[in-house]
Amino acid sequence: MHKLNILIAFSLLTVTACTSQPAKDTQPVSAPPAIATPATSEQAPPLTELKNGKTLNMVRVMDGAACKNDLQGVKGTFLVYANPDDIERIKREKGAQIFADFEIKIQNLASEALQTATDATNLAEDPFAISAQVVQQKIANQLTANFQDSIAAGLQRFQQDTTLSIDIVPFTPSLIFYQKACEATQLEPDESQAPQ
């Protein structure tokens, strides 16, 4: 099976801990053959999460995409959480400019994990599925589990190297799975979502 080179379009958007913005609808305008359940305002991502006994705040939202082959792929939103105490300590010790380097490392870590997870996820159509929504949830659960498995070691190395506790998780309601065409034009982020 021919593999496309990974196409990852990660754009970082700053999200403040005080503001809860609803997830954006990432359904393509001219709906290609894809399975999607667009996110709604009731499905806003959580602003915090608990990991290893630490409370992490959402600090970034990344849009990412990957093709498994010519036909199958995924795009969606990924949430980056970090420990606010670690952030303040690192700012004091190393200065705020260090976070630009961290962003690049986080992007690379997430893009590699997304490609690995996409390759490991069964994106084939299920002729016995009860509904598209059931298929969407099943594939989303599998991709999320594969993503968490593939990123775990990288997150641990990142924390050891930077002393910053982070987590990166797919925002399940935003995921769109392509099954009949995975092209660069479908995977690129919308111009309207690019940082200003």
N, C-alpha and C. Protein backbone atom coordinates (compact mmCIF):
# COMPACT_ATOMS: atom_id res chain seq x y z
N MET A 1 0.84 -1.17 0.00
CA MET A 1 0.00 0.00 0.00
C MET A 1 0.89 1.24 0.00
N HIS A 2 0.63 2.12 -0.89
CA HIS A 2 1.44 3.34 -1.01
C HIS A 2 1.14 4.28 0.14
N LYS A 3 2.18 4.70 0.82
CA LYS A 3 1.99 5.66 1.92
C LYS A 3 2.33 7.05 1.43
N LEU A 4 1.49 7.99 1.74
CA LEU A 4 1.80 9.38 1.44
C LEU A 4 2.76 9.89 2.49
N ASN A 5 3.55 10.84 2.11
CA ASN A 5 4.36 11.52 3.13
C ASN A 5 3.41 12.18 4.10
N ILE A 6 3.83 12.22 5.31
CA ILE A 6 2.96 12.81 6.33
C ILE A 6 2.69 14.27 6.00
N LEU A 7 1.42 14.63 6.14
CA LEU A 7 1.05 16.03 5.95
C LEU A 7 0.45 16.49 7.26
N ILE A 8 1.19 17.25 7.96
CA ILE A 8 0.72 17.75 9.24
C ILE A 8 0.67 19.26 9.18
N ALA A 9 -0.48 19.77 9.46
CA ALA A 9 -0.64 21.22 9.50
C ALA A 9 -1.03 21.60 10.90
N PHE A 10 -0.05 21.87 11.72
CA PHE A 10 -0.33 22.24 13.10
C PHE A 10 -0.24 23.75 13.22
N SER A 11 -1.32 24.32 13.65
CA SER A 11 -1.27 25.75 13.95
C SER A 11 -1.57 25.92 15.42
N LEU A 12 -0.74 26.66 16.07
CA LEU A 12 -0.90 26.86 17.51
C LEU A 12 -1.73 28.10 17.78
N LEU A 13 -2.72 27.92 18.62
CA LEU A 13 -3.57 29.04 19.03
C LEU A 13 -3.48 29.15 20.53
N THR A 14 -3.24 30.32 21.02
CA THR A 14 -3.17 30.52 22.46
C THR A 14 -4.56 30.48 23.04
N VAL A 15 -4.70 29.73 24.10
CA VAL A 15 -5.98 29.63 24.78
C VAL A 15 -5.74 30.02 26.24
N THR A 16 -6.42 31.01 26.70
CA THR A 16 -6.22 31.42 28.08
C THR A 16 -7.01 30.52 29.02
N ALA A 17 -6.53 30.41 30.21
CA ALA A 17 -7.19 29.55 31.18
C ALA A 17 -8.52 30.13 31.64
N CYS A 18 -8.74 31.41 31.39
CA CYS A 18 -9.98 32.05 31.84
C CYS A 18 -11.10 31.98 30.82
N THR A 19 -10.77 31.64 29.59
CA THR A 19 -11.78 31.70 28.53
C THR A 19 -12.07 30.31 28.01
N SER A 20 -13.33 29.99 27.92
CA SER A 20 -13.74 28.73 27.32
C SER A 20 -14.39 29.03 25.99
N GLN A 21 -13.65 28.71 24.92
CA GLN A 21 -14.21 28.93 23.59
C GLN A 21 -14.72 27.62 23.05
N PRO A 22 -15.89 27.63 22.40
CA PRO A 22 -16.39 26.39 21.84
C PRO A 22 -15.49 25.90 20.72
N ALA A 23 -15.44 24.59 20.58
CA ALA A 23 -14.64 24.00 19.51
C ALA A 23 -15.21 24.40 18.16
N LYS A 24 -14.31 24.62 17.19
CA LYS A 24 -14.77 25.04 15.88
C LYS A 24 -15.21 23.84 15.06
N ASP A 25 -16.21 24.05 14.23
CA ASP A 25 -16.69 23.03 13.32
C ASP A 25 -15.65 22.86 12.22
N THR A 26 -15.04 21.66 12.14
CA THR A 26 -13.99 21.44 11.16
C THR A 26 -14.48 20.66 9.95
N GLN A 27 -15.78 20.53 9.77
CA GLN A 27 -16.32 19.84 8.61
C GLN A 27 -15.96 20.60 7.34
N PRO A 28 -15.33 19.93 6.35
CA PRO A 28 -15.00 20.62 5.11
C PRO A 28 -16.25 21.17 4.43
N VAL A 29 -16.09 22.30 3.72
CA VAL A 29 -17.23 22.94 3.07
C VAL A 29 -17.84 22.04 2.01
N SER A 30 -17.03 21.55 1.08
CA SER A 30 -17.55 20.60 0.10
C SER A 30 -17.24 19.22 0.65
N ALA A 31 -18.18 18.65 1.36
CA ALA A 31 -17.94 17.44 2.12
C ALA A 31 -17.43 16.30 1.25
N PRO A 32 -16.13 15.96 1.38
CA PRO A 32 -15.61 14.82 0.66
C PRO A 32 -16.07 13.56 1.36
N PRO A 33 -15.81 12.39 0.77
CA PRO A 33 -16.21 11.16 1.43
C PRO A 33 -15.50 11.06 2.77
N ALA A 34 -16.19 11.36 3.83
CA ALA A 34 -15.60 11.34 5.15
C ALA A 34 -16.67 11.05 6.17
N ILE A 35 -16.22 10.62 7.32
CA ILE A 35 -17.12 10.41 8.45
C ILE A 35 -16.83 11.53 9.41
N ALA A 36 -17.83 12.28 9.79
CA ALA A 36 -17.58 13.39 10.71
C ALA A 36 -18.79 13.66 11.56
N THR A 37 -18.52 13.96 12.80
CA THR A 37 -19.53 14.45 13.69
C THR A 37 -19.02 15.79 14.18
N PRO A 38 -19.47 16.89 13.57
CA PRO A 38 -18.92 18.19 13.94
C PRO A 38 -19.12 18.51 15.42
N ALA A 39 -18.15 19.20 15.97
CA ALA A 39 -18.24 19.61 17.37
C ALA A 39 -19.28 20.71 17.51
N THR A 40 -19.93 20.73 18.63
CA THR A 40 -20.91 21.77 18.90
C THR A 40 -20.48 22.55 20.12
N SER A 41 -21.17 23.65 20.39
CA SER A 41 -20.78 24.47 21.53
C SER A 41 -20.94 23.73 22.86
N GLU A 42 -21.81 22.72 22.88
CA GLU A 42 -21.97 21.93 24.12
C GLU A 42 -20.78 21.01 24.34
N GLN A 43 -19.93 20.86 23.34
CA GLN A 43 -18.81 19.94 23.44
C GLN A 43 -17.50 20.70 23.57
N ALA A 44 -17.48 21.74 24.36
CA ALA A 44 -16.26 22.51 24.59
C ALA A 44 -15.26 21.64 25.34
N PRO A 45 -13.98 21.73 24.97
CA PRO A 45 -12.98 20.91 25.65
C PRO A 45 -12.78 21.35 27.09
N PRO A 46 -12.41 20.42 27.96
CA PRO A 46 -12.15 20.78 29.35
C PRO A 46 -10.92 21.67 29.47
N LEU A 47 -10.98 22.66 30.34
CA LEU A 47 -9.86 23.59 30.51
C LEU A 47 -8.75 23.04 31.38
N THR A 48 -9.05 21.98 32.15
CA THR A 48 -8.02 21.36 32.98
C THR A 48 -8.15 19.84 32.89
N GLU A 49 -7.07 19.17 33.28
CA GLU A 49 -7.10 17.71 33.41
C GLU A 49 -6.13 17.33 34.52
N LEU A 50 -6.36 16.18 35.10
CA LEU A 50 -5.51 15.67 36.17
C LEU A 50 -4.62 14.58 35.59
N LYS A 51 -3.31 14.72 35.74
CA LYS A 51 -2.36 13.72 35.24
C LYS A 51 -1.27 13.51 36.27
N ASN A 52 -1.11 12.28 36.69
CA ASN A 52 -0.09 11.91 37.68
C ASN A 52 -0.17 12.78 38.93
N GLY A 53 -1.39 13.06 39.37
CA GLY A 53 -1.60 13.84 40.58
C GLY A 53 -1.42 15.34 40.42
N LYS A 54 -1.16 15.82 39.20
CA LYS A 54 -0.98 17.25 38.95
C LYS A 54 -2.13 17.75 38.10
N THR A 55 -2.58 18.97 38.40
CA THR A 55 -3.59 19.62 37.57
C THR A 55 -2.88 20.34 36.44
N LEU A 56 -3.29 20.02 35.22
CA LEU A 56 -2.73 20.65 34.03
C LEU A 56 -3.79 21.54 33.41
N ASN A 57 -3.38 22.73 32.97
CA ASN A 57 -4.30 23.67 32.31
C ASN A 57 -4.10 23.59 30.80
N MET A 58 -5.21 23.75 30.05
CA MET A 58 -5.09 23.79 28.59
C MET A 58 -4.36 25.07 28.21
N VAL A 59 -3.28 24.93 27.44
CA VAL A 59 -2.47 26.08 27.05
C VAL A 59 -2.43 26.30 25.54
N ARG A 60 -2.75 25.29 24.77
CA ARG A 60 -2.71 25.40 23.31
C ARG A 60 -3.76 24.47 22.70
N VAL A 61 -4.16 24.87 21.48
CA VAL A 61 -5.01 24.03 20.65
C VAL A 61 -4.27 23.88 19.33
N MET A 62 -4.07 22.65 18.87
CA MET A 62 -3.36 22.41 17.62
C MET A 62 -4.28 21.68 16.66
N ASP A 63 -4.25 22.08 15.40
CA ASP A 63 -4.95 21.35 14.36
C ASP A 63 -3.93 20.46 13.68
N GLY A 64 -4.27 19.18 13.52
CA GLY A 64 -3.34 18.25 12.91
C GLY A 64 -4.05 17.33 11.94
N ALA A 65 -3.27 16.75 11.04
CA ALA A 65 -3.82 15.84 10.05
C ALA A 65 -2.75 14.88 9.58
N ALA A 66 -3.17 13.70 9.15
CA ALA A 66 -2.24 12.72 8.61
C ALA A 66 -2.99 11.80 7.65
N CYS A 67 -2.30 11.39 6.60
CA CYS A 67 -2.84 10.40 5.67
C CYS A 67 -2.22 9.05 5.97
N LYS A 68 -3.04 8.02 5.94
CA LYS A 68 -2.55 6.66 6.10
C LYS A 68 -2.12 6.12 4.74
N ASN A 69 -2.89 6.46 3.72
CA ASN A 69 -2.61 6.07 2.34
C ASN A 69 -3.36 7.05 1.43
N ASP A 70 -3.50 6.72 0.16
CA ASP A 70 -4.18 7.62 -0.77
C ASP A 70 -5.64 7.85 -0.43
N LEU A 71 -6.26 6.91 0.25
CA LEU A 71 -7.69 7.00 0.52
C LEU A 71 -8.02 7.42 1.94
N GLN A 72 -7.25 6.96 2.90
CA GLN A 72 -7.64 7.12 4.30
C GLN A 72 -6.76 8.12 5.04
N GLY A 73 -7.40 8.84 5.96
CA GLY A 73 -6.67 9.80 6.77
C GLY A 73 -7.56 10.40 7.84
N VAL A 74 -7.00 11.32 8.58
CA VAL A 74 -7.72 11.95 9.68
C VAL A 74 -7.25 13.39 9.83
N LYS A 75 -8.16 14.25 10.28
CA LYS A 75 -7.75 15.57 10.73
C LYS A 75 -8.61 15.92 11.93
N GLY A 76 -8.08 16.80 12.76
CA GLY A 76 -8.81 17.19 13.95
C GLY A 76 -8.01 18.12 14.83
N THR A 77 -8.55 18.36 15.99
CA THR A 77 -7.96 19.28 16.95
C THR A 77 -7.34 18.48 18.09
N PHE A 78 -6.17 18.95 18.53
CA PHE A 78 -5.45 18.31 19.62
C PHE A 78 -5.19 19.35 20.70
N LEU A 79 -5.42 18.96 21.94
CA LEU A 79 -5.33 19.88 23.07
C LEU A 79 -4.02 19.65 23.82
N VAL A 80 -3.32 20.74 24.13
CA VAL A 80 -2.07 20.66 24.88
C VAL A 80 -2.33 21.22 26.28
N TYR A 81 -2.03 20.40 27.26
CA TYR A 81 -2.18 20.79 28.67
C TYR A 81 -0.80 20.86 29.30
N ALA A 82 -0.61 21.81 30.23
CA ALA A 82 0.67 21.95 30.93
C ALA A 82 0.43 22.38 32.37
N ASN A 83 1.39 22.06 33.21
CA ASN A 83 1.29 22.41 34.62
C ASN A 83 1.67 23.89 34.79
N PRO A 84 0.76 24.71 35.33
CA PRO A 84 1.03 26.15 35.47
C PRO A 84 2.20 26.45 36.41
N ASP A 85 2.39 25.63 37.44
CA ASP A 85 3.53 25.84 38.35
C ASP A 85 4.85 25.62 37.62
N ASP A 86 4.90 24.59 36.78
CA ASP A 86 6.10 24.34 35.98
C ASP A 86 6.38 25.51 35.04
N ILE A 87 5.32 26.03 34.40
CA ILE A 87 5.48 27.14 33.46
C ILE A 87 6.10 28.35 34.16
N GLU A 88 5.55 28.71 35.32
CA GLU A 88 6.07 29.87 36.05
C GLU A 88 7.51 29.65 36.49
N ARG A 89 7.83 28.45 36.98
CA ARG A 89 9.20 28.14 37.42
C ARG A 89 10.18 28.24 36.25
N ILE A 90 9.81 27.68 35.10
CA ILE A 90 10.69 27.71 33.93
C ILE A 90 10.87 29.13 33.42
N LYS A 91 9.79 29.93 33.44
CA LYS A 91 9.91 31.35 33.04
C LYS A 91 10.92 32.08 33.92
N ARG A 92 10.86 31.83 35.24
CA ARG A 92 11.78 32.48 36.17
C ARG A 92 13.22 32.02 35.93
N GLU A 93 13.40 30.72 35.74
CA GLU A 93 14.75 30.16 35.63
C GLU A 93 15.39 30.37 34.27
N LYS A 94 14.58 30.24 33.19
CA LYS A 94 15.17 30.23 31.84
C LYS A 94 14.63 31.32 30.93
N GLY A 95 13.62 32.05 31.36
CA GLY A 95 13.04 33.10 30.53
C GLY A 95 11.92 32.55 29.65
N ALA A 96 11.03 33.43 29.24
CA ALA A 96 9.85 33.03 28.47
C ALA A 96 10.19 32.56 27.07
N GLN A 97 11.33 32.99 26.51
CA GLN A 97 11.68 32.63 25.14
C GLN A 97 11.91 31.13 24.97
N ILE A 98 12.19 30.42 26.05
CA ILE A 98 12.40 28.97 25.98
C ILE A 98 11.16 28.25 25.47
N PHE A 99 9.98 28.85 25.67
CA PHE A 99 8.74 28.19 25.27
C PHE A 99 8.58 28.11 23.76
N ALA A 100 9.26 28.95 23.00
CA ALA A 100 9.24 28.82 21.54
C ALA A 100 9.89 27.51 21.12
N ASP A 101 10.99 27.14 21.78
CA ASP A 101 11.63 25.85 21.52
C ASP A 101 10.72 24.70 21.93
N PHE A 102 10.06 24.87 23.07
CA PHE A 102 9.14 23.83 23.54
C PHE A 102 8.02 23.61 22.53
N GLU A 103 7.49 24.69 21.94
CA GLU A 103 6.40 24.57 20.98
C GLU A 103 6.80 23.72 19.79
N ILE A 104 8.03 23.92 19.30
CA ILE A 104 8.52 23.13 18.16
C ILE A 104 8.62 21.66 18.55
N LYS A 105 9.16 21.40 19.74
CA LYS A 105 9.28 20.02 20.20
C LYS A 105 7.90 19.37 20.35
N ILE A 106 6.95 20.13 20.88
CA ILE A 106 5.59 19.61 21.07
C ILE A 106 4.94 19.32 19.72
N GLN A 107 5.11 20.21 18.75
CA GLN A 107 4.56 19.99 17.40
C GLN A 107 5.13 18.72 16.79
N ASN A 108 6.45 18.56 16.88
CA ASN A 108 7.09 17.37 16.31
C ASN A 108 6.63 16.10 17.00
N LEU A 109 6.55 16.16 18.31
CA LEU A 109 6.10 15.01 19.09
C LEU A 109 4.68 14.61 18.70
N ALA A 110 3.79 15.60 18.61
CA ALA A 110 2.40 15.33 18.26
C ALA A 110 2.25 14.83 16.83
N SER A 111 3.00 15.41 15.90
CA SER A 111 2.86 14.99 14.50
C SER A 111 3.35 13.56 14.30
N GLU A 112 4.44 13.19 14.95
CA GLU A 112 4.93 11.81 14.86
C GLU A 112 3.93 10.84 15.48
N ALA A 113 3.38 11.20 16.63
CA ALA A 113 2.41 10.33 17.29
C ALA A 113 1.13 10.20 16.47
N LEU A 114 0.70 11.29 15.85
CA LEU A 114 -0.51 11.24 15.03
C LEU A 114 -0.31 10.33 13.82
N GLN A 115 0.86 10.43 13.17
CA GLN A 115 1.11 9.56 12.02
C GLN A 115 1.14 8.10 12.45
N THR A 116 1.82 7.81 13.55
CA THR A 116 1.89 6.44 14.05
C THR A 116 0.50 5.93 14.41
N ALA A 117 -0.29 6.76 15.08
CA ALA A 117 -1.65 6.36 15.47
C ALA A 117 -2.54 6.16 14.25
N THR A 118 -2.41 7.03 13.25
CA THR A 118 -3.21 6.90 12.03
C THR A 118 -2.86 5.61 11.30
N ASP A 119 -1.57 5.30 11.21
CA ASP A 119 -1.13 4.06 10.55
C ASP A 119 -1.66 2.83 11.28
N ALA A 120 -1.79 2.91 12.61
CA ALA A 120 -2.23 1.76 13.41
C ALA A 120 -3.75 1.63 13.51
N THR A 121 -4.49 2.66 13.10
CA THR A 121 -5.95 2.66 13.25
C THR A 121 -6.61 2.11 12.00
N ASN A 122 -7.61 1.26 12.20
CA ASN A 122 -8.38 0.71 11.09
C ASN A 122 -9.39 1.75 10.64
N LEU A 123 -9.11 2.40 9.51
CA LEU A 123 -9.98 3.45 9.00
C LEU A 123 -10.92 2.94 7.90
N ALA A 124 -10.91 1.63 7.66
CA ALA A 124 -11.75 1.06 6.59
C ALA A 124 -13.23 1.19 6.93
N GLU A 125 -14.04 1.27 5.89
CA GLU A 125 -15.49 1.35 6.09
C GLU A 125 -15.99 0.05 6.71
N ASP A 126 -16.96 0.16 7.58
CA ASP A 126 -17.57 -1.00 8.22
C ASP A 126 -18.96 -1.20 7.63
N PRO A 127 -19.12 -2.21 6.75
CA PRO A 127 -20.42 -2.41 6.10
C PRO A 127 -21.51 -2.86 7.08
N PHE A 128 -21.15 -3.28 8.27
CA PHE A 128 -22.12 -3.78 9.23
C PHE A 128 -22.47 -2.76 10.31
N ALA A 129 -21.95 -1.56 10.19
CA ALA A 129 -22.18 -0.52 11.20
C ALA A 129 -23.64 -0.11 11.23
N ILE A 130 -24.13 0.16 12.41
CA ILE A 130 -25.52 0.58 12.59
C ILE A 130 -25.74 1.98 12.05
N SER A 131 -24.77 2.87 12.27
CA SER A 131 -24.90 4.24 11.80
C SER A 131 -23.52 4.86 11.64
N ALA A 132 -23.46 5.98 10.91
CA ALA A 132 -22.19 6.70 10.74
C ALA A 132 -21.67 7.20 12.08
N GLN A 133 -22.58 7.55 12.98
CA GLN A 133 -22.18 8.04 14.30
C GLN A 133 -21.48 6.94 15.11
N VAL A 134 -21.97 5.72 14.99
CA VAL A 134 -21.35 4.59 15.69
C VAL A 134 -19.95 4.34 15.12
N VAL A 135 -19.84 4.41 13.80
CA VAL A 135 -18.54 4.21 13.14
C VAL A 135 -17.57 5.30 13.59
N GLN A 136 -18.04 6.55 13.59
CA GLN A 136 -17.22 7.69 14.01
C GLN A 136 -16.67 7.46 15.42
N GLN A 137 -17.55 7.08 16.34
CA GLN A 137 -17.13 6.90 17.72
C GLN A 137 -16.14 5.75 17.87
N LYS A 138 -16.38 4.67 17.15
CA LYS A 138 -15.50 3.50 17.22
C LYS A 138 -14.10 3.85 16.71
N ILE A 139 -14.03 4.51 15.56
CA ILE A 139 -12.74 4.89 14.99
C ILE A 139 -12.06 5.93 15.87
N ALA A 140 -12.83 6.90 16.37
CA ALA A 140 -12.27 7.93 17.25
C ALA A 140 -11.67 7.32 18.51
N ASN A 141 -12.36 6.36 19.09
CA ASN A 141 -11.84 5.68 20.29
C ASN A 141 -10.54 4.95 19.99
N GLN A 142 -10.51 4.26 18.84
CA GLN A 142 -9.32 3.52 18.46
C GLN A 142 -8.15 4.46 18.19
N LEU A 143 -8.40 5.54 17.45
CA LEU A 143 -7.33 6.50 17.15
C LEU A 143 -6.81 7.15 18.43
N THR A 144 -7.73 7.52 19.33
CA THR A 144 -7.32 8.15 20.60
C THR A 144 -6.44 7.22 21.41
N ALA A 145 -6.83 5.95 21.51
CA ALA A 145 -6.02 4.97 22.25
C ALA A 145 -4.66 4.78 21.58
N ASN A 146 -4.64 4.69 20.25
CA ASN A 146 -3.37 4.54 19.53
C ASN A 146 -2.50 5.78 19.69
N PHE A 147 -3.12 6.96 19.68
CA PHE A 147 -2.37 8.21 19.85
C PHE A 147 -1.74 8.24 21.24
N GLN A 148 -2.51 7.91 22.27
CA GLN A 148 -1.99 7.93 23.64
C GLN A 148 -0.85 6.93 23.80
N ASP A 149 -0.99 5.74 23.18
CA ASP A 149 0.09 4.74 23.24
C ASP A 149 1.35 5.24 22.55
N SER A 150 1.17 5.86 21.38
CA SER A 150 2.34 6.26 20.59
C SER A 150 3.03 7.51 21.15
N ILE A 151 2.33 8.32 21.92
CA ILE A 151 2.94 9.56 22.43
C ILE A 151 3.48 9.42 23.86
N ALA A 152 3.12 8.36 24.54
CA ALA A 152 3.47 8.21 25.97
C ALA A 152 4.97 8.34 26.23
N ALA A 153 5.79 7.60 25.50
CA ALA A 153 7.24 7.63 25.74
C ALA A 153 7.80 9.01 25.41
N GLY A 154 7.30 9.64 24.34
CA GLY A 154 7.77 10.97 23.96
C GLY A 154 7.43 12.02 25.00
N LEU A 155 6.23 11.92 25.58
CA LEU A 155 5.84 12.86 26.64
C LEU A 155 6.75 12.71 27.86
N GLN A 156 7.08 11.47 28.17
CA GLN A 156 7.95 11.22 29.32
C GLN A 156 9.34 11.80 29.07
N ARG A 157 9.89 11.61 27.85
CA ARG A 157 11.20 12.18 27.51
C ARG A 157 11.15 13.70 27.53
N PHE A 158 10.06 14.28 26.99
CA PHE A 158 9.91 15.73 26.97
C PHE A 158 9.94 16.28 28.40
N GLN A 159 9.23 15.63 29.31
CA GLN A 159 9.18 16.09 30.70
C GLN A 159 10.56 15.98 31.35
N GLN A 160 11.28 14.89 31.07
CA GLN A 160 12.62 14.74 31.64
C GLN A 160 13.58 15.81 31.11
N ASP A 161 13.48 16.11 29.81
CA ASP A 161 14.38 17.09 29.18
C ASP A 161 14.06 18.53 29.57
N THR A 162 12.78 18.84 29.74
CA THR A 162 12.36 20.24 29.93
C THR A 162 11.89 20.57 31.34
N THR A 163 11.59 19.58 32.13
CA THR A 163 10.99 19.68 33.47
C THR A 163 9.58 20.29 33.42
N LEU A 164 8.94 20.24 32.26
CA LEU A 164 7.58 20.75 32.09
C LEU A 164 6.63 19.57 31.93
N SER A 165 5.67 19.46 32.85
CA SER A 165 4.66 18.41 32.76
C SER A 165 3.60 18.81 31.74
N ILE A 166 3.43 17.98 30.70
CA ILE A 166 2.43 18.27 29.68
C ILE A 166 1.65 17.02 29.33
N ASP A 167 0.56 17.23 28.62
CA ASP A 167 -0.20 16.14 28.01
C ASP A 167 -0.77 16.66 26.70
N ILE A 168 -0.90 15.79 25.73
CA ILE A 168 -1.48 16.13 24.43
C ILE A 168 -2.56 15.10 24.15
N VAL A 169 -3.79 15.57 23.94
CA VAL A 169 -4.90 14.65 23.73
C VAL A 169 -5.74 15.08 22.53
N PRO A 170 -6.22 14.11 21.75
CA PRO A 170 -7.14 14.45 20.67
C PRO A 170 -8.47 14.94 21.25
N PHE A 171 -9.06 15.95 20.62
CA PHE A 171 -10.40 16.39 21.00
C PHE A 171 -11.36 15.60 20.11
N THR A 172 -11.87 14.51 20.64
CA THR A 172 -12.63 13.52 19.88
C THR A 172 -13.75 14.11 19.02
N PRO A 173 -14.56 15.07 19.51
CA PRO A 173 -15.64 15.58 18.65
C PRO A 173 -15.15 16.28 17.39
N SER A 174 -13.89 16.68 17.34
CA SER A 174 -13.39 17.40 16.17
C SER A 174 -12.84 16.48 15.08
N LEU A 175 -12.67 15.21 15.38
CA LEU A 175 -12.00 14.31 14.44
C LEU A 175 -12.86 14.03 13.21
N ILE A 176 -12.23 14.13 12.05
CA ILE A 176 -12.87 13.80 10.78
C ILE A 176 -12.02 12.72 10.13
N PHE A 177 -12.65 11.63 9.74
CA PHE A 177 -11.94 10.50 9.14
C PHE A 177 -12.27 10.42 7.66
N TYR A 178 -11.22 10.38 6.84
CA TYR A 178 -11.39 10.26 5.39
C TYR A 178 -11.20 8.80 5.01
N GLN A 179 -12.10 8.29 4.18
CA GLN A 179 -12.02 6.89 3.78
C GLN A 179 -11.96 6.70 2.27
N LYS A 180 -12.25 7.74 1.51
CA LYS A 180 -12.26 7.57 0.05
C LYS A 180 -11.33 8.53 -0.67
N ALA A 181 -10.74 9.45 0.05
CA ALA A 181 -9.78 10.38 -0.55
C ALA A 181 -9.08 11.15 0.57
N CYS A 182 -7.77 10.99 0.63
CA CYS A 182 -6.99 11.73 1.61
C CYS A 182 -6.01 12.58 0.82
N GLU A 183 -6.39 13.83 0.58
CA GLU A 183 -5.57 14.72 -0.23
C GLU A 183 -5.12 15.92 0.60
N ALA A 184 -4.05 16.54 0.14
CA ALA A 184 -3.49 17.69 0.85
C ALA A 184 -4.51 18.81 1.01
N THR A 185 -5.35 19.04 0.00
CA THR A 185 -6.30 20.14 0.07
C THR A 185 -7.34 19.92 1.16
N GLN A 186 -7.64 18.68 1.45
CA GLN A 186 -8.61 18.39 2.51
C GLN A 186 -8.00 18.51 3.89
N LEU A 187 -6.69 18.28 3.99
CA LEU A 187 -6.04 18.24 5.30
C LEU A 187 -5.47 19.58 5.75
N GLU A 188 -5.39 20.55 4.84
CA GLU A 188 -4.84 21.82 5.25
C GLU A 188 -5.83 22.56 6.13
N PRO A 189 -5.35 23.29 7.14
CA PRO A 189 -6.27 24.02 8.03
C PRO A 189 -6.96 25.15 7.28
N ASP A 190 -8.15 25.48 7.75
CA ASP A 190 -8.88 26.60 7.17
C ASP A 190 -8.11 27.89 7.40
N GLU A 191 -8.11 28.79 6.40
CA GLU A 191 -7.44 30.08 6.55
C GLU A 191 -8.02 30.86 7.74
N SER A 192 -9.31 30.70 7.97
CA SER A 192 -9.97 31.45 9.04
C SER A 192 -9.50 31.02 10.43
N GLN A 193 -8.88 29.84 10.53
CA GLN A 193 -8.43 29.36 11.83
C GLN A 193 -6.96 29.68 12.08
N ALA A 194 -6.27 30.23 11.09
CA ALA A 194 -4.86 30.55 11.27
C ALA A 194 -4.70 31.70 12.26
N PRO A 195 -3.62 31.67 13.06
CA PRO A 195 -3.41 32.75 14.03
C PRO A 195 -3.23 34.08 13.31
N GLN A 196 -3.75 35.13 13.89
CA GLN A 196 -3.64 36.48 13.30
C GLN A 196 -2.39 37.15 13.81
